[in-house]
Amino acid sequence: MKKMILASLIANVAVLIPVCGGMLFDASWVEDAYGSASPARGILLSVYGAIFVVSIGLLFKRDPMLVAPLLLVQVLYKLTTPFTVGSFANPVVISNLVISVMHLTTLVMIVSEVRRGPLKG
C-alpha cells in the first residue's frame, strides 16, 4: 500500500508539473488539449494547482487517511470526464482514465488496510 500511495502522489506531481506550467505559460499544446485561455481554463489551473500542492505535501506525510480523500476526488472527476467532454478519444480524457486506474488501485489498497485494523502513517 505504501508503495502505491507513493506512486499515485508521484504520478500527480509528474503529470501536473508540465500541465500547470503549460497553462501558466500558455504553451502551444495547451490550447489543443484544454482550449483557449478563458476563465474556465483558469479555474481548471486552480484545481490542478491545488492537487499539485496537496500531493507535494502528502509526499512528506503519506498518511493514508489524508491521501484517500484526494485520490477519491480525483478518481471521481477523472472517470466523469469522458461524459462531460463528450468523447473518449480526447488525450486529456485518456490520460485521466489511465491515471484513475492507478489511483483506484491505491484507494482499494487503503480501504483494505483500513478494514484490517488501525493505520499508521
PDB file of N, CA and C in Angstrom:
ATOM      1  N   MET A   1       0.815  -1.184   0.000  1.00  0.00           N
ATOM      2  CA  MET A   1       0.000   0.000   0.000  1.00  0.00           C
ATOM      3  C   MET A   1       0.865   1.256   0.000  1.00  0.00           C
ATOM      4  N   LYS A   2       1.913   1.267   0.812  1.00  0.00           N
ATOM      5  CA  LYS A   2       2.761   2.456   0.905  1.00  0.00           C
ATOM      6  C   LYS A   2       3.414   2.783  -0.436  1.00  0.00           C
ATOM      7  N   LYS A   3       3.802   1.752  -1.184  1.00  0.00           N
ATOM      8  CA  LYS A   3       4.412   1.981  -2.500  1.00  0.00           C
ATOM      9  C   LYS A   3       3.394   2.547  -3.484  1.00  0.00           C
ATOM     10  N   MET A   4       2.149   2.074  -3.396  1.00  0.00           N
ATOM     11  CA  MET A   4       1.111   2.592  -4.297  1.00  0.00           C
ATOM     12  C   MET A   4       0.749   4.033  -3.950  1.00  0.00           C
ATOM     13  N   ILE A   5       0.721   4.359  -2.663  1.00  0.00           N
ATOM     14  CA  ILE A   5       0.481   5.752  -2.264  1.00  0.00           C
ATOM     15  C   ILE A   5       1.570   6.630  -2.840  1.00  0.00           C
ATOM     16  N   LEU A   6       2.809   6.207  -2.690  1.00  0.00           N
ATOM     17  CA  LEU A   6       3.933   6.971  -3.239  1.00  0.00           C
ATOM     18  C   LEU A   6       3.806   7.095  -4.756  1.00  0.00           C
ATOM     19  N   ALA A   7       3.467   6.006  -5.430  1.00  0.00           N
ATOM     20  CA  ALA A   7       3.328   6.030  -6.892  1.00  0.00           C
ATOM     21  C   ALA A   7       2.222   6.986  -7.330  1.00  0.00           C
ATOM     22  N   SER A   8       1.082   6.964  -6.643  1.00  0.00           N
ATOM     23  CA  SER A   8      -0.021   7.855  -7.000  1.00  0.00           C
ATOM     24  C   SER A   8       0.364   9.319  -6.810  1.00  0.00           C
ATOM     25  N   LEU A   9       1.022   9.622  -5.694  1.00  0.00           N
ATOM     26  CA  LEU A   9       1.425  11.009  -5.434  1.00  0.00           C
ATOM     27  C   LEU A   9       2.487  11.479  -6.426  1.00  0.00           C
ATOM     28  N   ILE A  10       3.448  10.610  -6.736  1.00  0.00           N
ATOM     29  CA  ILE A  10       4.476  10.970  -7.719  1.00  0.00           C
ATOM     30  C   ILE A  10       3.843  11.151  -9.096  1.00  0.00           C
ATOM     31  N   ALA A  11       2.884  10.309  -9.438  1.00  0.00           N
ATOM     32  CA  ALA A  11       2.192  10.466 -10.723  1.00  0.00           C
ATOM     33  C   ALA A  11       1.499  11.826 -10.787  1.00  0.00           C
ATOM     34  N   ASN A  12       0.824  12.219  -9.701  1.00  0.00           N
ATOM     35  CA  ASN A  12       0.189  13.535  -9.671  1.00  0.00           C
ATOM     36  C   ASN A  12       1.201  14.640  -9.944  1.00  0.00           C
ATOM     37  N   VAL A  13       2.296  14.614  -9.223  1.00  0.00           N
ATOM     38  CA  VAL A  13       3.308  15.663  -9.367  1.00  0.00           C
ATOM     39  C   VAL A  13       3.913  15.636 -10.764  1.00  0.00           C
ATOM     40  N   ALA A  14       4.247  14.448 -11.244  1.00  0.00           N
ATOM     41  CA  ALA A  14       4.889  14.325 -12.558  1.00  0.00           C
ATOM     42  C   ALA A  14       3.983  14.810 -13.689  1.00  0.00           C
ATOM     43  N   VAL A  15       2.702  14.554 -13.576  1.00  0.00           N
ATOM     44  CA  VAL A  15       1.758  14.997 -14.616  1.00  0.00           C
ATOM     45  C   VAL A  15       1.465  16.489 -14.477  1.00  0.00           C
ATOM     46  N   LEU A  16       1.321  16.946 -13.253  1.00  0.00           N
ATOM     47  CA  LEU A  16       0.877  18.320 -13.046  1.00  0.00           C
ATOM     48  C   LEU A  16       1.963  19.361 -13.239  1.00  0.00           C
ATOM     49  N   ILE A  17       3.220  18.997 -13.126  1.00  0.00           N
ATOM     50  CA  ILE A  17       4.288  19.980 -13.399  1.00  0.00           C
ATOM     51  C   ILE A  17       4.172  20.494 -14.835  1.00  0.00           C
ATOM     52  N   PRO A  18       4.176  19.631 -15.848  1.00  0.00           N
ATOM     53  CA  PRO A  18       4.064  20.169 -17.207  1.00  0.00           C
ATOM     54  C   PRO A  18       2.685  20.750 -17.523  1.00  0.00           C
ATOM     55  N   VAL A  19       1.631  20.163 -16.964  1.00  0.00           N
ATOM     56  CA  VAL A  19       0.288  20.669 -17.252  1.00  0.00           C
ATOM     57  C   VAL A  19       0.112  22.074 -16.668  1.00  0.00           C
ATOM     58  N   CYS A  20       0.429  22.244 -15.405  1.00  0.00           N
ATOM     59  CA  CYS A  20       0.287  23.566 -14.779  1.00  0.00           C
ATOM     60  C   CYS A  20       1.255  24.562 -15.399  1.00  0.00           C
ATOM     61  N   GLY A  21       2.490  24.122 -15.642  1.00  0.00           N
ATOM     62  CA  GLY A  21       3.463  25.001 -16.292  1.00  0.00           C
ATOM     63  C   GLY A  21       2.995  25.424 -17.674  1.00  0.00           C
ATOM     64  N   GLY A  22       2.482  24.462 -18.423  1.00  0.00           N
ATOM     65  CA  GLY A  22       1.983  24.764 -19.764  1.00  0.00           C
ATOM     66  C   GLY A  22       0.837  25.757 -19.740  1.00  0.00           C
ATOM     67  N   MET A  23      -0.061  25.590 -18.768  1.00  0.00           N
ATOM     68  CA  MET A  23      -1.183  26.525 -18.654  1.00  0.00           C
ATOM     69  C   MET A  23      -0.706  27.906 -18.207  1.00  0.00           C
ATOM     70  N   LEU A  24       0.206  27.926 -17.253  1.00  0.00           N
ATOM     71  CA  LEU A  24       0.717  29.214 -16.758  1.00  0.00           C
ATOM     72  C   LEU A  24       1.403  30.013 -17.859  1.00  0.00           C
ATOM     73  N   PHE A  25       2.171  29.319 -18.681  1.00  0.00           N
ATOM     74  CA  PHE A  25       2.969  29.999 -19.703  1.00  0.00           C
ATOM     75  C   PHE A  25       2.348  29.889 -21.096  1.00  0.00           C
ATOM     76  N   ASP A  26       1.111  29.422 -21.151  1.00  0.00           N
ATOM     77  CA  ASP A  26       0.349  29.343 -22.402  1.00  0.00           C
ATOM     78  C   ASP A  26       1.118  28.617 -23.508  1.00  0.00           C
ATOM     79  N   ALA A  27       1.613  27.425 -23.169  1.00  0.00           N
ATOM     80  CA  ALA A  27       2.345  26.606 -24.135  1.00  0.00           C
ATOM     81  C   ALA A  27       1.445  26.285 -25.332  1.00  0.00           C
ATOM     82  N   SER A  28       2.043  26.084 -26.468  1.00  0.00           N
ATOM     83  CA  SER A  28       1.281  25.877 -27.702  1.00  0.00           C
ATOM     84  C   SER A  28       0.358  24.656 -27.629  1.00  0.00           C
ATOM     85  N   TRP A  29       0.749  23.606 -26.959  1.00  0.00           N
ATOM     86  CA  TRP A  29      -0.053  22.390 -26.883  1.00  0.00           C
ATOM     87  C   TRP A  29      -1.268  22.539 -25.953  1.00  0.00           C
ATOM     88  N   VAL A  30      -1.231  23.525 -25.071  1.00  0.00           N
ATOM     89  CA  VAL A  30      -2.297  23.683 -24.079  1.00  0.00           C
ATOM     90  C   VAL A  30      -3.642  24.004 -24.737  1.00  0.00           C
ATOM     91  N   GLU A  31      -3.632  24.856 -25.742  1.00  0.00           N
ATOM     92  CA  GLU A  31      -4.887  25.219 -26.392  1.00  0.00           C
ATOM     93  C   GLU A  31      -5.549  23.998 -27.027  1.00  0.00           C
ATOM     94  N   ASP A  32      -4.753  23.128 -27.652  1.00  0.00           N
ATOM     95  CA  ASP A  32      -5.317  21.911 -28.247  1.00  0.00           C
ATOM     96  C   ASP A  32      -5.921  20.992 -27.180  1.00  0.00           C
ATOM     97  N   ALA A  33      -5.237  20.889 -26.045  1.00  0.00           N
ATOM     98  CA  ALA A  33      -5.672  19.959 -25.004  1.00  0.00           C
ATOM     99  C   ALA A  33      -6.776  20.521 -24.111  1.00  0.00           C
ATOM    100  N   TYR A  34      -6.673  21.817 -23.758  1.00  0.00           N
ATOM    101  CA  TYR A  34      -7.568  22.395 -22.753  1.00  0.00           C
ATOM    102  C   TYR A  34      -8.391  23.581 -23.248  1.00  0.00           C
ATOM    103  N   GLY A  35      -8.218  23.942 -24.509  1.00  0.00           N
ATOM    104  CA  GLY A  35      -8.953  25.080 -25.046  1.00  0.00           C
ATOM    105  C   GLY A  35      -8.188  26.380 -24.864  1.00  0.00           C
ATOM    106  N   SER A  36      -8.722  27.427 -25.441  1.00  0.00           N
ATOM    107  CA  SER A  36      -8.048  28.726 -25.378  1.00  0.00           C
ATOM    108  C   SER A  36      -8.134  29.295 -23.966  1.00  0.00           C
ATOM    109  N   ALA A  37      -7.277  30.270 -23.711  1.00  0.00           N
ATOM    110  CA  ALA A  37      -7.261  30.919 -22.401  1.00  0.00           C
ATOM    111  C   ALA A  37      -8.651  31.481 -22.113  1.00  0.00           C
ATOM    112  N   SER A  38      -9.168  31.136 -20.937  1.00  0.00           N
ATOM    113  CA  SER A  38     -10.517  31.549 -20.559  1.00  0.00           C
ATOM    114  C   SER A  38     -10.634  31.447 -19.048  1.00  0.00           C
ATOM    115  N   PRO A  39     -11.688  32.022 -18.485  1.00  0.00           N
ATOM    116  CA  PRO A  39     -11.912  31.836 -17.052  1.00  0.00           C
ATOM    117  C   PRO A  39     -12.021  30.349 -16.675  1.00  0.00           C
ATOM    118  N   ALA A  40     -12.653  29.556 -17.517  1.00  0.00           N
ATOM    119  CA  ALA A  40     -12.796  28.125 -17.229  1.00  0.00           C
ATOM    120  C   ALA A  40     -11.433  27.441 -17.147  1.00  0.00           C
ATOM    121  N   ARG A  41     -10.541  27.773 -18.060  1.00  0.00           N
ATOM    122  CA  ARG A  41      -9.196  27.187 -18.015  1.00  0.00           C
ATOM    123  C   ARG A  41      -8.440  27.679 -16.785  1.00  0.00           C
ATOM    124  N   GLY A  42      -8.681  28.915 -16.392  1.00  0.00           N
ATOM    125  CA  GLY A  42      -8.058  29.435 -15.170  1.00  0.00           C
ATOM    126  C   GLY A  42      -8.538  28.695 -13.935  1.00  0.00           C
ATOM    127  N   ILE A  43      -9.821  28.382 -13.903  1.00  0.00           N
ATOM    128  CA  ILE A  43     -10.379  27.612 -12.784  1.00  0.00           C
ATOM    129  C   ILE A  43      -9.768  26.214 -12.768  1.00  0.00           C
ATOM    130  N   LEU A  44      -9.641  25.602 -13.934  1.00  0.00           N
ATOM    131  CA  LEU A  44      -9.022  24.277 -14.022  1.00  0.00           C
ATOM    132  C   LEU A  44      -7.578  24.327 -13.530  1.00  0.00           C
ATOM    133  N   LEU A  45      -6.858  25.376 -13.879  1.00  0.00           N
ATOM    134  CA  LEU A  45      -5.486  25.542 -13.393  1.00  0.00           C
ATOM    135  C   LEU A  45      -5.475  25.635 -11.870  1.00  0.00           C
ATOM    136  N   SER A  46      -6.434  26.335 -11.285  1.00  0.00           N
ATOM    137  CA  SER A  46      -6.518  26.428  -9.822  1.00  0.00           C
ATOM    138  C   SER A  46      -6.747  25.057  -9.191  1.00  0.00           C
ATOM    139  N   VAL A  47      -7.641  24.283  -9.783  1.00  0.00           N
ATOM    140  CA  VAL A  47      -7.921  22.941  -9.264  1.00  0.00           C
ATOM    141  C   VAL A  47      -6.673  22.064  -9.388  1.00  0.00           C
ATOM    142  N   TYR A  48      -6.055  22.081 -10.569  1.00  0.00           N
ATOM    143  CA  TYR A  48      -4.830  21.297 -10.763  1.00  0.00           C
ATOM    144  C   TYR A  48      -3.717  21.770  -9.831  1.00  0.00           C
ATOM    145  N   GLY A  49      -3.619  23.072  -9.640  1.00  0.00           N
ATOM    146  CA  GLY A  49      -2.601  23.613  -8.735  1.00  0.00           C
ATOM    147  C   GLY A  49      -2.820  23.151  -7.311  1.00  0.00           C
ATOM    148  N   ALA A  50      -4.074  23.110  -6.875  1.00  0.00           N
ATOM    149  CA  ALA A  50      -4.380  22.633  -5.529  1.00  0.00           C
ATOM    150  C   ALA A  50      -4.012  21.162  -5.375  1.00  0.00           C
ATOM    151  N   ILE A  51      -4.340  20.355  -6.370  1.00  0.00           N
ATOM    152  CA  ILE A  51      -3.986  18.930  -6.333  1.00  0.00           C
ATOM    153  C   ILE A  51      -2.464  18.775  -6.288  1.00  0.00           C
ATOM    154  N   PHE A  52      -1.765  19.593  -7.054  1.00  0.00           N
ATOM    155  CA  PHE A  52      -0.297  19.566  -7.083  1.00  0.00           C
ATOM    156  C   PHE A  52       0.283  19.887  -5.699  1.00  0.00           C
ATOM    157  N   VAL A  53      -0.178  20.978  -5.096  1.00  0.00           N
ATOM    158  CA  VAL A  53       0.347  21.403  -3.797  1.00  0.00           C
ATOM    159  C   VAL A  53       0.043  20.360  -2.718  1.00  0.00           C
ATOM    160  N   VAL A  54      -1.179  19.856  -2.701  1.00  0.00           N
ATOM    161  CA  VAL A  54      -1.551  18.847  -1.704  1.00  0.00           C
ATOM    162  C   VAL A  54      -0.739  17.566  -1.928  1.00  0.00           C
ATOM    163  N   SER A  55      -0.539  17.182  -3.177  1.00  0.00           N
ATOM    164  CA  SER A  55       0.250  15.973  -3.470  1.00  0.00           C
ATOM    165  C   SER A  55       1.683  16.126  -2.989  1.00  0.00           C
ATOM    166  N   ILE A  56       2.275  17.292  -3.199  1.00  0.00           N
ATOM    167  CA  ILE A  56       3.643  17.523  -2.709  1.00  0.00           C
ATOM    168  C   ILE A  56       3.672  17.434  -1.189  1.00  0.00           C
ATOM    169  N   GLY A  57       2.718  18.069  -0.535  1.00  0.00           N
ATOM    170  CA  GLY A  57       2.665  17.996   0.922  1.00  0.00           C
ATOM    171  C   GLY A  57       2.524  16.566   1.421  1.00  0.00           C
ATOM    172  N   LEU A  58       1.691  15.789   0.746  1.00  0.00           N
ATOM    173  CA  LEU A  58       1.474  14.407   1.166  1.00  0.00           C
ATOM    174  C   LEU A  58       2.675  13.510   0.880  1.00  0.00           C
ATOM    175  N   LEU A  59       3.550  13.930  -0.011  1.00  0.00           N
ATOM    176  CA  LEU A  59       4.787  13.161  -0.217  1.00  0.00           C
ATOM    177  C   LEU A  59       5.632  13.160   1.059  1.00  0.00           C
ATOM    178  N   PHE A  60       5.497  14.220   1.858  1.00  0.00           N
ATOM    179  CA  PHE A  60       6.260  14.324   3.099  1.00  0.00           C
ATOM    180  C   PHE A  60       5.522  13.713   4.292  1.00  0.00           C
ATOM    181  N   LYS A  61       4.222  13.562   4.176  1.00  0.00           N
ATOM    182  CA  LYS A  61       3.398  12.976   5.236  1.00  0.00           C
ATOM    183  C   LYS A  61       2.379  12.075   4.556  1.00  0.00           C
ATOM    184  N   ARG A  62       2.797  10.861   4.249  1.00  0.00           N
ATOM    185  CA  ARG A  62       1.951   9.943   3.477  1.00  0.00           C
ATOM    186  C   ARG A  62       0.945   9.213   4.363  1.00  0.00           C
ATOM    187  N   ASP A  63       0.112   9.978   5.019  1.00  0.00           N
ATOM    188  CA  ASP A  63      -0.939   9.412   5.857  1.00  0.00           C
ATOM    189  C   ASP A  63      -2.074   8.930   4.943  1.00  0.00           C
ATOM    190  N   PRO A  64      -2.331   7.624   4.918  1.00  0.00           N
ATOM    191  CA  PRO A  64      -3.372   7.093   4.034  1.00  0.00           C
ATOM    192  C   PRO A  64      -4.734   7.754   4.220  1.00  0.00           C
ATOM    193  N   MET A  65      -5.030   8.175   5.442  1.00  0.00           N
ATOM    194  CA  MET A  65      -6.324   8.806   5.709  1.00  0.00           C
ATOM    195  C   MET A  65      -6.394  10.221   5.135  1.00  0.00           C
ATOM    196  N   LEU A  66      -5.272  10.812   4.808  1.00  0.00           N
ATOM    197  CA  LEU A  66      -5.242  12.108   4.129  1.00  0.00           C
ATOM    198  C   LEU A  66      -5.131  11.927   2.616  1.00  0.00           C
ATOM    199  N   VAL A  67      -4.453  10.888   2.198  1.00  0.00           N
ATOM    200  CA  VAL A  67      -4.281  10.611   0.770  1.00  0.00           C
ATOM    201  C   VAL A  67      -5.596  10.146   0.144  1.00  0.00           C
ATOM    202  N   ALA A  68      -6.338   9.317   0.853  1.00  0.00           N
ATOM    203  CA  ALA A  68      -7.570   8.726   0.302  1.00  0.00           C
ATOM    204  C   ALA A  68      -8.570   9.758  -0.212  1.00  0.00           C
ATOM    205  N   PRO A  69      -8.884  10.818   0.545  1.00  0.00           N
ATOM    206  CA  PRO A  69      -9.857  11.789   0.008  1.00  0.00           C
ATOM    207  C   PRO A  69      -9.377  12.483  -1.263  1.00  0.00           C
ATOM    208  N   LEU A  70      -8.092  12.805  -1.327  1.00  0.00           N
ATOM    209  CA  LEU A  70      -7.538  13.426  -2.540  1.00  0.00           C
ATOM    210  C   LEU A  70      -7.721  12.497  -3.731  1.00  0.00           C
ATOM    211  N   LEU A  71      -7.345  11.246  -3.563  1.00  0.00           N
ATOM    212  CA  LEU A  71      -7.443  10.293  -4.671  1.00  0.00           C
ATOM    213  C   LEU A  71      -8.894  10.007  -5.035  1.00  0.00           C
ATOM    214  N   LEU A  72      -9.778   9.951  -4.045  1.00  0.00           N
ATOM    215  CA  LEU A  72     -11.189   9.703  -4.320  1.00  0.00           C
ATOM    216  C   LEU A  72     -11.779  10.815  -5.197  1.00  0.00           C
ATOM    217  N   VAL A  73     -11.499  12.053  -4.846  1.00  0.00           N
ATOM    218  CA  VAL A  73     -11.992  13.179  -5.659  1.00  0.00           C
ATOM    219  C   VAL A  73     -11.423  13.090  -7.068  1.00  0.00           C
ATOM    220  N   GLN A  74     -10.146  12.754  -7.176  1.00  0.00           N
ATOM    221  CA  GLN A  74      -9.539  12.643  -8.499  1.00  0.00           C
ATOM    222  C   GLN A  74     -10.162  11.518  -9.320  1.00  0.00           C
ATOM    223  N   VAL A  75     -10.368  10.376  -8.706  1.00  0.00           N
ATOM    224  CA  VAL A  75     -10.977   9.255  -9.433  1.00  0.00           C
ATOM    225  C   VAL A  75     -12.364   9.650  -9.930  1.00  0.00           C
ATOM    226  N   LEU A  76     -13.140  10.301  -9.081  1.00  0.00           N
ATOM    227  CA  LEU A  76     -14.490  10.692  -9.479  1.00  0.00           C
ATOM    228  C   LEU A  76     -14.480  11.667 -10.648  1.00  0.00           C
ATOM    229  N   TYR A  77     -13.637  12.695 -10.583  1.00  0.00           N
ATOM    230  CA  TYR A  77     -13.657  13.651 -11.695  1.00  0.00           C
ATOM    231  C   TYR A  77     -13.027  13.059 -12.947  1.00  0.00           C
ATOM    232  N   LYS A  78     -12.034  12.225 -12.785  1.00  0.00           N
ATOM    233  CA  LYS A  78     -11.385  11.637 -13.957  1.00  0.00           C
ATOM    234  C   LYS A  78     -12.312  10.648 -14.676  1.00  0.00           C
ATOM    235  N   LEU A  79     -13.077   9.883 -13.901  1.00  0.00           N
ATOM    236  CA  LEU A  79     -13.996   8.919 -14.520  1.00  0.00           C
ATOM    237  C   LEU A  79     -15.203   9.595 -15.166  1.00  0.00           C
ATOM    238  N   THR A  80     -15.523  10.799 -14.749  1.00  0.00           N
ATOM    239  CA  THR A  80     -16.662  11.500 -15.356  1.00  0.00           C
ATOM    240  C   THR A  80     -16.260  12.348 -16.561  1.00  0.00           C
ATOM    241  N   THR A  81     -14.962  12.573 -16.768  1.00  0.00           N
ATOM    242  CA  THR A  81     -14.547  13.451 -17.878  1.00  0.00           C
ATOM    243  C   THR A  81     -14.985  12.969 -19.258  1.00  0.00           C
ATOM    244  N   PRO A  82     -15.016  11.677 -19.560  1.00  0.00           N
ATOM    245  CA  PRO A  82     -15.481  11.310 -20.907  1.00  0.00           C
ATOM    246  C   PRO A  82     -16.914  11.779 -21.168  1.00  0.00           C
ATOM    247  N   PHE A  83     -17.707  11.817 -20.122  1.00  0.00           N
ATOM    248  CA  PHE A  83     -19.105  12.208 -20.266  1.00  0.00           C
ATOM    249  C   PHE A  83     -19.269  13.728 -20.317  1.00  0.00           C
ATOM    250  N   THR A  84     -18.458  14.440 -19.531  1.00  0.00           N
ATOM    251  CA  THR A  84     -18.558  15.902 -19.557  1.00  0.00           C
ATOM    252  C   THR A  84     -17.906  16.484 -20.801  1.00  0.00           C
ATOM    253  N   VAL A  85     -16.881  15.801 -21.309  1.00  0.00           N
ATOM    254  CA  VAL A  85     -16.208  16.250 -22.533  1.00  0.00           C
ATOM    255  C   VAL A  85     -16.967  15.762 -23.769  1.00  0.00           C
ATOM    256  N   GLY A  86     -17.634  14.628 -23.634  1.00  0.00           N
ATOM    257  CA  GLY A  86     -18.384  14.073 -24.757  1.00  0.00           C
ATOM    258  C   GLY A  86     -17.540  13.229 -25.689  1.00  0.00           C
ATOM    259  N   SER A  87     -16.405  12.719 -25.172  1.00  0.00           N
ATOM    260  CA  SER A  87     -15.514  11.924 -26.013  1.00  0.00           C
ATOM    261  C   SER A  87     -14.612  11.060 -25.142  1.00  0.00           C
ATOM    262  N   PHE A  88     -14.361   9.866 -25.637  1.00  0.00           N
ATOM    263  CA  PHE A  88     -13.359   9.002 -25.015  1.00  0.00           C
ATOM    264  C   PHE A  88     -12.029   9.124 -25.745  1.00  0.00           C
ATOM    265  N   ALA A  89     -11.986   9.863 -26.850  1.00  0.00           N
ATOM    266  CA  ALA A  89     -10.784   9.954 -27.680  1.00  0.00           C
ATOM    267  C   ALA A  89      -9.894  11.144 -27.341  1.00  0.00           C
ATOM    268  N   ASN A  90     -10.390  12.098 -26.566  1.00  0.00           N
ATOM    269  CA  ASN A  90      -9.599  13.270 -26.202  1.00  0.00           C
ATOM    270  C   ASN A  90      -8.377  12.825 -25.392  1.00  0.00           C
ATOM    271  N   PRO A  91      -7.183  13.353 -25.693  1.00  0.00           N
ATOM    272  CA  PRO A  91      -5.970  12.926 -24.977  1.00  0.00           C
ATOM    273  C   PRO A  91      -6.027  13.180 -23.468  1.00  0.00           C
ATOM    274  N   VAL A  92      -6.663  14.251 -23.046  1.00  0.00           N
ATOM    275  CA  VAL A  92      -6.788  14.524 -21.610  1.00  0.00           C
ATOM    276  C   VAL A  92      -7.700  13.476 -20.965  1.00  0.00           C
ATOM    277  N   VAL A  93      -8.777  13.128 -21.637  1.00  0.00           N
ATOM    278  CA  VAL A  93      -9.689  12.095 -21.134  1.00  0.00           C
ATOM    279  C   VAL A  93      -8.952  10.764 -21.003  1.00  0.00           C
ATOM    280  N   ILE A  94      -8.199  10.415 -22.020  1.00  0.00           N
ATOM    281  CA  ILE A  94      -7.454   9.145 -21.999  1.00  0.00           C
ATOM    282  C   ILE A  94      -6.471   9.121 -20.830  1.00  0.00           C
ATOM    283  N   SER A  95      -5.703  10.195 -20.660  1.00  0.00           N
ATOM    284  CA  SER A  95      -4.740  10.220 -19.549  1.00  0.00           C
ATOM    285  C   SER A  95      -5.468  10.196 -18.210  1.00  0.00           C
ATOM    286  N   ASN A  96      -6.606  10.879 -18.112  1.00  0.00           N
ATOM    287  CA  ASN A  96      -7.389  10.839 -16.871  1.00  0.00           C
ATOM    288  C   ASN A  96      -7.826   9.418 -16.545  1.00  0.00           C
ATOM    289  N   LEU A  97      -8.278   8.688 -17.556  1.00  0.00           N
ATOM    290  CA  LEU A  97      -8.735   7.318 -17.316  1.00  0.00           C
ATOM    291  C   LEU A  97      -7.585   6.411 -16.888  1.00  0.00           C
ATOM    292  N   VAL A  98      -6.435   6.574 -17.509  1.00  0.00           N
ATOM    293  CA  VAL A  98      -5.270   5.757 -17.150  1.00  0.00           C
ATOM    294  C   VAL A  98      -4.843   6.047 -15.708  1.00  0.00           C
ATOM    295  N   ILE A  99      -4.748   7.314 -15.361  1.00  0.00           N
ATOM    296  CA  ILE A  99      -4.328   7.684 -14.010  1.00  0.00           C
ATOM    297  C   ILE A  99      -5.377   7.250 -12.985  1.00  0.00           C
ATOM    298  N   SER A 100      -6.653   7.306 -13.360  1.00  0.00           N
ATOM    299  CA  SER A 100      -7.698   6.896 -12.413  1.00  0.00           C
ATOM    300  C   SER A 100      -7.569   5.425 -12.042  1.00  0.00           C
ATOM    301  N   VAL A 101      -7.079   4.596 -12.945  1.00  0.00           N
ATOM    302  CA  VAL A 101      -6.870   3.167 -12.631  1.00  0.00           C
ATOM    303  C   VAL A 101      -5.821   3.037 -11.524  1.00  0.00           C
ATOM    304  N   MET A 102      -4.734   3.795 -11.641  1.00  0.00           N
ATOM    305  CA  MET A 102      -3.693   3.763 -10.604  1.00  0.00           C
ATOM    306  C   MET A 102      -4.253   4.245  -9.272  1.00  0.00           C
ATOM    307  N   HIS A 103      -4.946   5.377  -9.292  1.00  0.00           N
ATOM    308  CA  HIS A 103      -5.480   5.938  -8.052  1.00  0.00           C
ATOM    309  C   HIS A 103      -6.550   5.032  -7.440  1.00  0.00           C
ATOM    310  N   LEU A 104      -7.359   4.414  -8.272  1.00  0.00           N
ATOM    311  CA  LEU A 104      -8.385   3.499  -7.770  1.00  0.00           C
ATOM    312  C   LEU A 104      -7.738   2.280  -7.110  1.00  0.00           C
ATOM    313  N   THR A 105      -6.672   1.789  -7.708  1.00  0.00           N
ATOM    314  CA  THR A 105      -5.926   0.669  -7.115  1.00  0.00           C
ATOM    315  C   THR A 105      -5.388   1.068  -5.741  1.00  0.00           C
ATOM    316  N   THR A 106      -4.820   2.265  -5.661  1.00  0.00           N
ATOM    317  CA  THR A 106      -4.306   2.757  -4.378  1.00  0.00           C
ATOM    318  C   THR A 106      -5.430   2.866  -3.361  1.00  0.00           C
ATOM    319  N   LEU A 107      -6.574   3.398  -3.772  1.00  0.00           N
ATOM    320  CA  LEU A 107      -7.719   3.526  -2.865  1.00  0.00           C
ATOM    321  C   LEU A 107      -8.198   2.172  -2.358  1.00  0.00           C
ATOM    322  N   VAL A 108      -8.269   1.196  -3.242  1.00  0.00           N
ATOM    323  CA  VAL A 108      -8.693  -0.150  -2.835  1.00  0.00           C
ATOM    324  C   VAL A 108      -7.724  -0.702  -1.797  1.00  0.00           C
ATOM    325  N   MET A 109      -6.446  -0.467  -1.991  1.00  0.00           N
ATOM    326  CA  MET A 109      -5.449  -0.947  -1.028  1.00  0.00           C
ATOM    327  C   MET A 109      -5.592  -0.230   0.321  1.00  0.00           C
ATOM    328  N   ILE A 110      -5.854   1.064   0.287  1.00  0.00           N
ATOM    329  CA  ILE A 110      -6.055   1.815   1.537  1.00  0.00           C
ATOM    330  C   ILE A 110      -7.283   1.286   2.271  1.00  0.00           C
ATOM    331  N   VAL A 111      -8.388   1.103   1.556  1.00  0.00           N
ATOM    332  CA  VAL A 111      -9.624   0.601   2.179  1.00  0.00           C
ATOM    333  C   VAL A 111      -9.401  -0.798   2.749  1.00  0.00           C
ATOM    334  N   SER A 112      -8.700  -1.641   2.033  1.00  0.00           N
ATOM    335  CA  SER A 112      -8.401  -2.995   2.533  1.00  0.00           C
ATOM    336  C   SER A 112      -7.609  -2.930   3.833  1.00  0.00           C
ATOM    337  N   GLU A 113      -6.652  -2.035   3.869  1.00  0.00           N
ATOM    338  CA  GLU A 113      -5.821  -1.865   5.071  1.00  0.00           C
ATOM    339  C   GLU A 113      -6.658  -1.324   6.231  1.00  0.00           C
ATOM    340  N   VAL A 114      -7.555  -0.398   5.963  1.00  0.00           N
ATOM    341  CA  VAL A 114      -8.427   0.161   6.999  1.00  0.00           C
ATOM    342  C   VAL A 114      -9.298  -0.937   7.596  1.00  0.00           C
ATOM    343  N   ARG A 115      -9.797  -1.804   6.752  1.00  0.00           N
ATOM    344  CA  ARG A 115     -10.662  -2.891   7.232  1.00  0.00           C
ATOM    345  C   ARG A 115      -9.910  -3.892   8.095  1.00  0.00           C
ATOM    346  N   ARG A 116      -8.598  -3.977   7.920  1.00  0.00           N
ATOM    347  CA  ARG A 116      -7.785  -4.919   8.707  1.00  0.00           C
ATOM    348  C   ARG A 116      -7.461  -4.383  10.085  1.00  0.00           C
ATOM    349  N   GLY A 117      -7.446  -3.064  10.226  1.00  0.00           N
ATOM    350  CA  GLY A 117      -7.119  -2.513  11.550  1.00  0.00           C
ATOM    351  C   GLY A 117      -6.610  -1.097  11.437  1.00  0.00           C
ATOM    352  N   PRO A 118      -6.188  -0.531  12.556  1.00  0.00           N
ATOM    353  CA  PRO A 118      -5.720   0.860  12.588  1.00  0.00           C
ATOM    354  C   PRO A 118      -4.537   1.078  11.649  1.00  0.00           C
ATOM    355  N   LEU A 119      -4.556   2.229  11.000  1.00  0.00           N
ATOM    356  CA  LEU A 119      -3.484   2.596  10.076  1.00  0.00           C
ATOM    357  C   LEU A 119      -2.423   3.403  10.782  1.00  0.00           C
ATOM    358  N   LYS A 120      -1.216   3.199  10.329  1.00  0.00           N
ATOM    359  CA  LYS A 120      -0.100   4.009  10.807  1.00  0.00           C
ATOM    360  C   LYS A 120       0.487   4.706   9.605  1.00  0.00           C
ATOM    361  N   GLY A 121       0.581   6.053   9.652  1.00  0.00           N
ATOM    362  CA  GLY A 121       1.095   6.867   8.549  1.00  0.00           C
ATOM    363  C   GLY A 121       2.496   6.594   8.293  1.00  0.00           C
TER     364      GLY A 121
END
